[in-house]
């Protein structure tokens, strides 16, 4: 398994070499586009108007979204791993959650 901080750094380095956009607003638009592509792929699970769902296509779209998310985090010196630990396993762990399972 890849270390998340290392992966985030490698993404930043490679995006820099390729001359990709770094403007946070543009990255936000690109992230929205990639999330839309994930939704489009998931729509194939139920819509008869498209060819069938393929997990390999979803995998690619998730990877694209993660790369853009990592680039956005990099612009603000946010370590994604630390952010997830603090928010999901820290702040969110102290909240009371109502399950939606089975409803």
C-alpha atoms as a PDB file:
ATOM      1  CA  UNK A   1       0.000   0.000   0.000  1.00  0.00           C
ATOM      2  CA  UNK A   2       1.228   3.473  -0.849  1.00  0.00           C
ATOM      3  CA  UNK A   3       1.879   5.986   1.920  1.00  0.00           C
ATOM      4  CA  UNK A   4      -0.693   8.755   1.465  1.00  0.00           C
ATOM      5  CA  UNK A   5       1.674  11.654   2.173  1.00  0.00           C
ATOM      6  CA  UNK A   6       4.219  10.208  -0.258  1.00  0.00           C
ATOM      7  CA  UNK A   7       1.529   9.756  -2.912  1.00  0.00           C
ATOM      8  CA  UNK A   8       0.294  13.313  -2.423  1.00  0.00           C
ATOM      9  CA  UNK A   9       3.847  14.606  -2.886  1.00  0.00           C
ATOM     10  CA  UNK A  10       4.436  12.490  -5.985  1.00  0.00           C
ATOM     11  CA  UNK A  11       1.186  13.772  -7.490  1.00  0.00           C
ATOM     12  CA  UNK A  12       2.283  17.378  -6.877  1.00  0.00           C
ATOM     13  CA  UNK A  13       5.696  16.710  -8.432  1.00  0.00           C
ATOM     14  CA  UNK A  14       4.281  14.992 -11.518  1.00  0.00           C
ATOM     15  CA  UNK A  15       1.576  17.617 -12.052  1.00  0.00           C
ATOM     16  CA  UNK A  16       4.300  20.282 -11.845  1.00  0.00           C
ATOM     17  CA  UNK A  17       6.424  18.489 -14.455  1.00  0.00           C
ATOM     18  CA  UNK A  18       3.426  18.241 -16.763  1.00  0.00           C
ATOM     19  CA  UNK A  19       2.584  21.925 -16.331  1.00  0.00           C
ATOM     20  CA  UNK A  20      -0.924  21.252 -15.061  1.00  0.00           C
ATOM     21  CA  UNK A  21      -3.136  23.973 -13.608  1.00  0.00           C
ATOM     22  CA  UNK A  22      -2.591  24.927  -9.952  1.00  0.00           C
ATOM     23  CA  UNK A  23      -5.122  27.732  -9.475  1.00  0.00           C
ATOM     24  CA  UNK A  24      -7.442  26.615  -6.626  1.00  0.00           C
ATOM     25  CA  UNK A  25     -10.589  27.881  -8.334  1.00  0.00           C
ATOM     26  CA  UNK A  26      -9.752  25.997 -11.523  1.00  0.00           C
ATOM     27  CA  UNK A  27      -8.906  22.900  -9.482  1.00  0.00           C
ATOM     28  CA  UNK A  28     -12.320  23.179  -7.830  1.00  0.00           C
ATOM     29  CA  UNK A  29     -13.989  23.210 -11.238  1.00  0.00           C
ATOM     30  CA  UNK A  30     -11.902  20.235 -12.361  1.00  0.00           C
ATOM     31  CA  UNK A  31     -12.787  18.333  -9.189  1.00  0.00           C
ATOM     32  CA  UNK A  32     -16.473  18.973  -9.815  1.00  0.00           C
ATOM     33  CA  UNK A  33     -16.053  17.665 -13.348  1.00  0.00           C
ATOM     34  CA  UNK A  34     -14.363  14.487 -12.100  1.00  0.00           C
ATOM     35  CA  UNK A  35     -17.044  13.874  -9.465  1.00  0.00           C
ATOM     36  CA  UNK A  36     -19.614  14.236 -12.264  1.00  0.00           C
ATOM     37  CA  UNK A  37     -17.760  11.568 -14.227  1.00  0.00           C
ATOM     38  CA  UNK A  38     -17.964   9.264 -11.199  1.00  0.00           C
ATOM     39  CA  UNK A  39     -21.713   9.913 -11.045  1.00  0.00           C
ATOM     40  CA  UNK A  40     -22.025   9.229 -14.757  1.00  0.00           C
ATOM     41  CA  UNK A  41     -20.302   5.892 -14.349  1.00  0.00           C
ATOM     42  CA  UNK A  42     -22.476   4.956 -11.378  1.00  0.00           C
ATOM     43  CA  UNK A  43     -25.587   5.848 -13.393  1.00  0.00           C
ATOM     44  CA  UNK A  44     -24.731   2.893 -15.610  1.00  0.00           C
ATOM     45  CA  UNK A  45     -25.687   0.621 -12.709  1.00  0.00           C
ATOM     46  CA  UNK A  46     -29.373   1.386 -13.194  1.00  0.00           C
ATOM     47  CA  UNK A  47     -29.973   3.335 -16.396  1.00  0.00           C
ATOM     48  CA  UNK A  48     -30.896   1.339 -19.475  1.00  0.00           C
ATOM     49  CA  UNK A  49     -29.828   4.279 -21.671  1.00  0.00           C
ATOM     50  CA  UNK A  50     -26.124   3.477 -21.347  1.00  0.00           C
ATOM     51  CA  UNK A  51     -23.929   0.468 -21.828  1.00  0.00           C
ATOM     52  CA  UNK A  52     -23.239  -1.548 -18.683  1.00  0.00           C
ATOM     53  CA  UNK A  53     -21.310  -0.483 -15.638  1.00  0.00           C
ATOM     54  CA  UNK A  54     -17.624  -1.380 -15.501  1.00  0.00           C
ATOM     55  CA  UNK A  55     -15.666  -1.139 -12.285  1.00  0.00           C
ATOM     56  CA  UNK A  56     -12.445  -0.407 -14.202  1.00  0.00           C
ATOM     57  CA  UNK A  57     -13.972   2.805 -15.582  1.00  0.00           C
ATOM     58  CA  UNK A  58     -15.147   3.796 -12.097  1.00  0.00           C
ATOM     59  CA  UNK A  59     -11.650   3.063 -10.777  1.00  0.00           C
ATOM     60  CA  UNK A  60     -10.139   5.466 -13.325  1.00  0.00           C
ATOM     61  CA  UNK A  61     -12.625   8.225 -12.487  1.00  0.00           C
ATOM     62  CA  UNK A  62     -12.010   7.836  -8.749  1.00  0.00           C
ATOM     63  CA  UNK A  63      -8.268   8.071  -9.418  1.00  0.00           C
ATOM     64  CA  UNK A  64      -8.757  11.233 -11.482  1.00  0.00           C
ATOM     65  CA  UNK A  65     -10.854  12.825  -8.721  1.00  0.00           C
ATOM     66  CA  UNK A  66      -8.261  11.919  -6.100  1.00  0.00           C
ATOM     67  CA  UNK A  67      -5.431  13.440  -8.134  1.00  0.00           C
ATOM     68  CA  UNK A  68      -7.310  16.729  -8.426  1.00  0.00           C
ATOM     69  CA  UNK A  69      -8.258  16.625  -4.737  1.00  0.00           C
ATOM     70  CA  UNK A  70      -4.590  16.064  -3.851  1.00  0.00           C
ATOM     71  CA  UNK A  71      -3.595  18.988  -6.066  1.00  0.00           C
ATOM     72  CA  UNK A  72      -6.123  21.230  -4.354  1.00  0.00           C
ATOM     73  CA  UNK A  73      -4.911  20.164  -0.913  1.00  0.00           C
ATOM     74  CA  UNK A  74      -1.327  20.829  -1.989  1.00  0.00           C
ATOM     75  CA  UNK A  75      -2.162  24.441  -2.844  1.00  0.00           C
ATOM     76  CA  UNK A  76      -3.029  25.050   0.807  1.00  0.00           C
ATOM     77  CA  UNK A  77      -0.354  22.784   2.351  1.00  0.00           C
ATOM     78  CA  UNK A  78      -2.992  20.345   3.586  1.00  0.00           C
ATOM     79  CA  UNK A  79      -1.819  16.827   4.334  1.00  0.00           C
ATOM     80  CA  UNK A  80      -4.832  14.719   3.312  1.00  0.00           C
ATOM     81  CA  UNK A  81      -3.980  11.902   5.720  1.00  0.00           C
ATOM     82  CA  UNK A  82      -3.711  14.262   8.671  1.00  0.00           C
ATOM     83  CA  UNK A  83      -6.884  16.061   7.631  1.00  0.00           C
ATOM     84  CA  UNK A  84      -8.872  12.812   7.472  1.00  0.00           C
ATOM     85  CA  UNK A  85      -7.485  11.638  10.826  1.00  0.00           C
ATOM     86  CA  UNK A  86      -8.420  14.943  12.480  1.00  0.00           C
ATOM     87  CA  UNK A  87     -11.862  15.315  10.898  1.00  0.00           C
ATOM     88  CA  UNK A  88     -13.257  11.816  10.335  1.00  0.00           C
ATOM     89  CA  UNK A  89     -11.597  10.001  13.228  1.00  0.00           C
ATOM     90  CA  UNK A  90     -11.420  13.057  15.506  1.00  0.00           C
ATOM     91  CA  UNK A  91     -14.190  15.649  15.255  1.00  0.00           C
ATOM     92  CA  UNK A  92     -16.706  13.355  13.560  1.00  0.00           C
ATOM     93  CA  UNK A  93     -16.046  10.528  16.058  1.00  0.00           C
ATOM     94  CA  UNK A  94     -17.335  12.751  18.845  1.00  0.00           C
ATOM     95  CA  UNK A  95     -20.626  13.450  17.073  1.00  0.00           C
ATOM     96  CA  UNK A  96     -23.767  11.415  17.565  1.00  0.00           C
ATOM     97  CA  UNK A  97     -24.678   9.680  14.318  1.00  0.00           C
ATOM     98  CA  UNK A  98     -28.108   8.341  13.418  1.00  0.00           C
ATOM     99  CA  UNK A  99     -27.857   5.319  11.170  1.00  0.00           C
ATOM    100  CA  UNK A 100     -29.714   5.289   7.881  1.00  0.00           C
ATOM    101  CA  UNK A 101     -29.094   1.563   7.394  1.00  0.00           C
ATOM    102  CA  UNK A 102     -32.269  -0.363   6.688  1.00  0.00           C
ATOM    103  CA  UNK A 103     -34.407   2.732   6.217  1.00  0.00           C
END
